[in-house]
Protein backbone atom coordinates (compact mmCIF):
# COMPACT_ATOMS: atom_id res chain seq x y z
CA MET A 1 23.46 6.31 2.09
CA LEU A 2 20.54 3.92 2.20
CA ASN A 3 19.57 0.61 0.66
CA PHE A 4 21.94 -1.65 2.56
CA LEU A 5 20.63 -5.15 2.10
CA LYS A 6 22.64 -8.22 3.12
CA GLY A 7 25.75 -6.07 3.35
CA ARG A 8 25.54 -4.88 -0.25
CA ALA A 9 25.08 -1.20 -1.03
CA THR A 10 22.84 -0.26 -3.92
CA LYS A 11 21.54 2.98 -5.36
CA PRO A 12 20.81 5.80 -2.86
CA SER A 13 17.13 6.08 -1.91
CA HIS A 14 14.72 8.84 -0.96
CA SER A 15 13.66 6.75 2.02
CA ALA A 16 15.75 8.28 4.82
CA TYR A 17 12.81 9.91 6.63
CA ALA A 18 9.61 8.00 6.02
CA VAL A 19 5.97 7.88 7.04
CA VAL A 20 4.21 4.53 6.64
CA THR A 21 0.47 4.19 7.17
CA GLY A 22 -1.03 0.86 8.20
CA ALA A 23 2.36 0.14 9.74
CA GLY A 24 1.02 -2.08 12.51
CA SER A 25 0.96 -5.29 10.49
CA GLY A 26 1.39 -6.95 7.10
CA ILE A 27 2.99 -5.05 4.26
CA GLY A 28 3.09 -1.83 6.29
CA ARG A 29 5.15 -3.47 9.03
CA SER A 30 7.43 -5.05 6.43
CA PHE A 31 8.00 -1.67 4.77
CA SER A 32 8.83 -0.13 8.14
CA LEU A 33 11.29 -2.86 9.08
CA GLU A 34 12.97 -2.82 5.67
CA LEU A 35 13.34 0.95 5.76
CA ALA A 36 14.96 0.70 9.18
CA ARG A 37 17.34 -1.97 7.82
CA ARG A 38 18.31 0.53 5.14
CA GLN A 39 19.18 3.07 7.85
CA GLY A 40 15.90 4.96 7.49
CA VAL A 41 13.96 6.65 10.29
CA VAL A 42 10.26 5.77 10.25
CA VAL A 43 7.02 7.21 11.58
CA CYS A 44 4.77 4.16 11.93
CA ALA A 45 1.14 5.29 11.66
CA ASP A 46 -1.82 3.01 12.26
CA ILE A 47 -5.38 3.33 13.50
CA ASN A 48 -4.35 0.69 16.05
CA LEU A 49 -1.72 2.47 18.11
CA ALA A 50 -0.73 -0.68 20.00
CA ALA A 51 0.06 -2.44 16.72
CA ALA A 52 2.15 0.52 15.55
CA GLN A 53 4.03 0.43 18.85
CA GLU A 54 4.80 -3.25 18.29
CA THR A 55 6.38 -2.38 14.94
CA VAL A 56 8.41 0.37 16.57
CA ALA A 57 9.59 -2.06 19.26
CA LEU A 58 10.81 -4.47 16.56
CA ILE A 59 12.72 -1.67 14.85
CA GLU A 60 14.27 -0.48 18.10
CA GLN A 61 15.28 -4.02 19.04
CA ALA A 62 17.23 -4.14 15.77
CA GLY A 63 18.94 -0.86 16.58
CA GLY A 64 16.79 1.41 14.42
CA ARG A 65 14.77 4.53 15.18
CA ALA A 66 11.02 4.82 14.75
CA TYR A 67 7.95 6.50 16.22
CA ALA A 68 4.38 5.23 16.64
CA VAL A 69 1.43 7.48 15.82
CA SER A 70 -2.31 6.78 15.86
CA CYS A 71 -4.01 7.91 12.65
CA ASP A 72 -7.29 7.24 10.85
CA VAL A 73 -6.21 7.98 7.28
CA GLY A 74 -9.79 8.49 6.14
CA GLU A 75 -10.02 11.63 8.29
CA ALA A 76 -8.43 14.60 6.56
CA GLU A 77 -7.55 16.41 9.77
CA ALA A 78 -5.85 13.32 11.16
CA VAL A 79 -3.60 13.08 8.10
CA ARG A 80 -2.88 16.81 8.18
CA ALA A 81 -1.77 16.39 11.79
CA LEU A 82 0.30 13.35 10.80
CA ALA A 83 2.16 15.39 8.19
CA GLU A 84 2.88 18.17 10.68
CA ASN A 85 3.85 15.90 13.56
CA ALA A 86 6.05 13.66 11.42
CA GLU A 87 8.51 16.46 10.70
CA GLN A 88 8.69 17.27 14.40
CA LEU A 89 9.27 13.65 15.36
CA LEU A 90 11.87 13.10 12.67
CA SER A 91 13.54 16.51 13.13
CA HIS A 92 13.77 16.46 9.36
CA ALA A 93 11.54 16.91 6.34
CA VAL A 94 9.70 13.74 5.29
CA THR A 95 11.25 12.29 2.14
CA LEU A 96 9.10 9.20 1.62
CA LEU A 97 5.38 8.57 2.11
CA ILE A 98 4.00 5.04 1.93
CA ASN A 99 0.20 5.04 1.70
CA ASN A 100 -0.40 1.46 2.77
CA ALA A 101 -3.41 1.45 5.12
CA GLY A 102 -6.24 -0.58 3.63
CA VAL A 103 -9.29 -2.70 4.38
CA GLY A 104 -10.95 -5.62 2.62
CA LEU A 105 -14.57 -5.71 1.49
CA GLY A 106 -16.23 -8.51 -0.42
CA GLY A 107 -19.65 -9.76 -1.34
CA LYS A 108 -22.23 -9.47 -4.10
CA PHE A 109 -22.85 -5.94 -5.31
CA HIS A 110 -26.54 -5.91 -4.42
CA GLU A 111 -25.81 -7.19 -0.92
CA GLN A 112 -23.38 -4.42 -0.02
CA SER A 113 -24.77 -1.36 1.71
CA LEU A 114 -23.76 2.19 0.95
CA ASP A 115 -22.24 2.27 4.43
CA ASP A 116 -20.00 -0.62 3.37
CA TRP A 117 -18.93 1.34 0.30
CA LYS A 118 -18.25 4.48 2.34
CA TRP A 119 -16.22 2.51 4.89
CA CYS A 120 -14.06 0.96 2.17
CA MET A 121 -13.54 4.23 0.32
CA HIS A 122 -12.86 6.06 3.60
CA VAL A 123 -9.68 4.05 4.10
CA ASN A 124 -8.59 2.65 0.75
CA LEU A 125 -9.15 5.67 -1.49
CA TRP A 126 -9.57 8.76 0.67
CA GLY A 127 -6.69 7.62 2.86
CA VAL A 128 -4.35 7.72 -0.15
CA ILE A 129 -5.81 10.99 -1.42
CA HIS A 130 -5.35 12.58 2.00
CA GLY A 131 -1.78 11.33 2.25
CA CYS A 132 -0.80 12.72 -1.14
CA HIS A 133 -2.68 15.98 -0.51
CA TYR A 134 -0.84 16.78 2.71
CA PHE A 135 2.64 15.47 1.89
CA VAL A 136 3.17 16.45 -1.75
CA PRO A 137 3.37 20.22 -1.05
CA GLY A 138 6.28 19.58 1.34
CA PHE A 139 8.04 17.43 -1.23
CA LYS A 140 7.66 20.20 -3.81
CA ARG A 141 9.02 22.82 -1.41
CA ASN A 142 12.04 20.66 -0.61
CA GLY A 143 12.73 19.77 -4.23
CA ARG A 144 12.53 16.01 -3.73
CA GLY A 145 10.39 13.21 -2.34
CA ALA A 146 8.88 9.84 -3.06
CA ILE A 147 5.51 8.15 -2.75
CA ILE A 148 4.57 4.49 -2.69
CA ASN A 149 0.84 3.85 -2.99
CA VAL A 150 -0.30 0.34 -2.14
CA ALA A 151 -3.02 -0.66 -4.58
CA SER A 152 -3.69 -4.26 -5.63
CA ALA A 153 -3.91 -6.45 -8.69
CA ALA A 154 -7.64 -6.09 -7.98
CA SER A 155 -7.28 -2.62 -9.51
CA TYR A 156 -7.21 -4.25 -12.95
CA THR A 157 -8.37 -7.85 -12.49
CA ALA A 158 -11.85 -6.65 -11.47
CA ALA A 159 -12.89 -9.97 -9.94
CA PRO A 160 -16.61 -10.47 -9.20
CA GLU A 161 -17.94 -9.92 -5.66
CA MET A 162 -15.20 -7.40 -4.92
CA SER A 163 -16.77 -4.31 -6.47
CA ALA A 164 -16.03 -1.72 -3.78
CA TYR A 165 -12.52 -3.00 -3.15
CA ASN A 166 -11.78 -3.12 -6.89
CA VAL A 167 -13.02 0.44 -7.38
CA THR A 168 -10.94 1.86 -4.55
CA LYS A 169 -7.77 0.13 -5.70
CA ALA A 170 -8.35 1.17 -9.31
CA GLY A 171 -8.61 4.74 -8.02
CA VAL A 172 -5.31 4.39 -6.20
CA ARG A 173 -3.63 3.10 -9.35
CA ALA A 174 -5.10 5.92 -11.47
CA LEU A 175 -4.00 8.54 -8.96
CA SER A 176 -0.50 7.07 -8.88
CA GLU A 177 -0.23 7.07 -12.67
CA THR A 178 -1.36 10.70 -12.77
CA LEU A 179 1.06 11.84 -10.07
CA TYR A 180 3.96 9.92 -11.65
CA ALA A 181 3.66 12.12 -14.74
CA GLU A 182 2.67 15.32 -12.97
CA LEU A 183 5.41 15.28 -10.32
CA LYS A 184 8.32 13.93 -12.37
CA SER A 185 9.69 17.40 -13.11
CA ASP A 186 9.57 18.18 -9.37
CA ASN A 187 12.00 15.33 -8.59
CA ILE A 188 9.23 13.38 -6.85
CA ARG A 189 9.12 9.67 -7.58
CA VAL A 190 5.92 7.62 -7.49
CA ASN A 191 5.45 3.85 -7.40
CA VAL A 192 2.22 1.90 -7.19
CA LEU A 193 2.25 -1.61 -5.73
CA CYS A 194 -0.19 -4.09 -7.29
CA PRO A 195 0.15 -7.52 -5.64
CA THR A 196 -2.19 -10.49 -5.66
CA LEU A 197 -2.11 -12.70 -2.55
CA VAL A 198 0.19 -11.55 0.25
CA PRO A 199 -0.11 -12.88 3.83
CA THR A 200 -1.64 -9.99 5.80
CA ASN A 201 -4.54 -9.34 8.19
CA ILE A 202 -6.70 -7.64 5.56
CA ILE A 203 -9.26 -10.47 5.56
CA LYS A 204 -9.41 -10.76 9.35
CA ASN A 205 -9.90 -7.01 9.69
CA GLY A 206 -12.19 -6.64 6.69
CA ARG A 207 -15.84 -7.15 5.91
CA ILE A 208 -16.02 -10.40 4.00
CA PRO A 209 -19.23 -12.49 3.98
CA GLY A 210 -19.05 -15.50 6.28
CA ARG A 211 -19.31 -17.94 3.38
CA TYR A 212 -16.04 -16.60 1.98
CA SER A 213 -14.02 -15.14 4.86
CA GLY A 214 -12.51 -18.40 6.12
CA LEU A 215 -11.66 -19.61 2.63
CA ALA A 216 -10.18 -16.25 1.63
CA ASP A 217 -8.04 -16.01 4.76
CA HIS A 218 -6.82 -19.60 4.29
CA ALA A 219 -5.83 -18.84 0.69
CA LEU A 220 -4.11 -15.62 1.72
CA MET A 221 -2.04 -17.26 4.43
CA ASN A 222 -1.25 -20.56 2.72
CA PHE A 223 -1.18 -20.06 -1.05
CA ALA A 224 0.47 -16.67 -1.46
CA MET A 225 3.44 -16.83 -3.82
CA THR A 226 5.49 -14.32 -1.87
CA THR A 227 5.87 -12.73 1.55
CA SER A 228 5.19 -9.21 2.73
CA ASP A 229 8.92 -8.80 3.43
CA SER A 230 9.83 -9.71 -0.15
CA VAL A 231 7.17 -7.37 -1.50
CA ALA A 232 8.49 -4.47 0.57
CA LYS A 233 12.08 -5.02 -0.57
CA LEU A 234 11.11 -5.29 -4.22
CA THR A 235 8.91 -2.19 -4.12
CA LEU A 236 11.59 -0.03 -2.53
CA ASP A 237 14.07 -1.23 -5.13
CA ARG A 238 11.63 -0.46 -7.94
CA LEU A 239 11.10 3.01 -6.50
CA ASP A 240 14.87 3.58 -6.46
CA GLN A 241 14.99 2.55 -10.13
CA GLY A 242 12.36 5.17 -10.98
CA GLN A 243 9.78 2.55 -11.97
CA LEU A 244 6.06 3.31 -11.72
CA TYR A 245 4.64 -0.21 -11.30
CA THR A 246 5.47 -3.02 -8.91
CA THR A 247 3.67 -6.28 -9.73
CA PRO A 248 5.54 -8.72 -7.50
CA GLN A 249 4.00 -12.07 -8.43
CA LEU A 250 3.80 -14.05 -11.65
CA ASP A 251 0.01 -14.25 -11.55
CA ALA A 252 -0.22 -10.46 -11.15
CA LYS A 253 1.94 -10.06 -14.26
CA LEU A 254 -0.10 -12.59 -16.24
CA PHE A 255 -3.41 -10.92 -15.37
CA TRP A 256 -1.95 -7.55 -16.36
CA LEU A 257 -0.78 -8.94 -19.70
CA MET A 258 -4.13 -10.63 -20.41
CA LYS A 259 -6.07 -7.48 -19.59
CA ARG A 260 -3.80 -5.33 -21.77
CA LEU A 261 -3.69 -7.62 -24.81
CA ALA A 262 -7.32 -8.80 -24.90
CA PRO A 263 -9.57 -6.80 -22.56
CA ASN A 264 -12.86 -8.03 -24.04
CA TRP A 265 -11.76 -11.66 -24.02
CA TYR A 266 -10.56 -11.26 -20.44
CA ALA A 267 -13.93 -9.85 -19.32
CA ASP A 268 -15.81 -12.69 -21.06
CA PHE A 269 -13.48 -15.26 -19.49
CA LEU A 270 -14.01 -13.75 -16.05
CA GLY A 271 -17.80 -13.81 -16.44
CA LEU A 272 -17.83 -17.38 -17.68
CA SER A 273 -15.58 -18.54 -14.84
CA TYR A 274 -17.78 -16.85 -12.27
CA ARG A 275 -20.90 -18.57 -13.60
CA PHE A 276 -19.34 -21.96 -12.95
CA LEU A 277 -17.79 -21.12 -9.60
CA LYS A 278 -20.59 -19.30 -7.81
């Protein structure tokens, strides 16, 4: 049985044997630690192996079991190898995949190079596609599984000067919505996480123009309305409840409601606000 939080048992989860990408920091580390607290065994994958090993050390210090693996999720062969190696490390079929690895990219559309776009899509979109491509067949063979795809409220807020990032996260949300319907009859659950500000290293490790990077990182670290630990707990609970969407903050919910109820008004409001702020 899983999902033991503060000594209280809740509904059983699919999260016993998990693979988490981008597990070396931020939300990925929080997912890994929370899964271990719920008696899960975790393969912590990250392009930065040392960071993944730090996460594993934290889990082991708490009495859990985890394994660190280096993986560039944008490379199909690397994710194929991750899927194969994970079962060997866990000595069990993977039952939960968390596609969390992501990078930040900002700036005016005409100032971004195609290389910038390819770099962002390599991780944020192709990384999720690769994960689903190589893990879903195993879930189908085993008759169960679960996927959490980490998108962003940017997938629907479409803020200016975030074009590539917005596009990749919108793709992740669309893929998640599609798979939720397509895989339901296969006993495979899907949840897509769409937060606004969460304290992570995405700005530090991203490509944000100098005029914005310091301000963005300050806002991320000091004005976020939640923590990565809280987001991880909520998302796993939402997955257990069979819910598709996790929008953890009030502002994320308000933006979603505005976009749904009055999409044209929202777009006009966004454009007008940008004119005054730029």
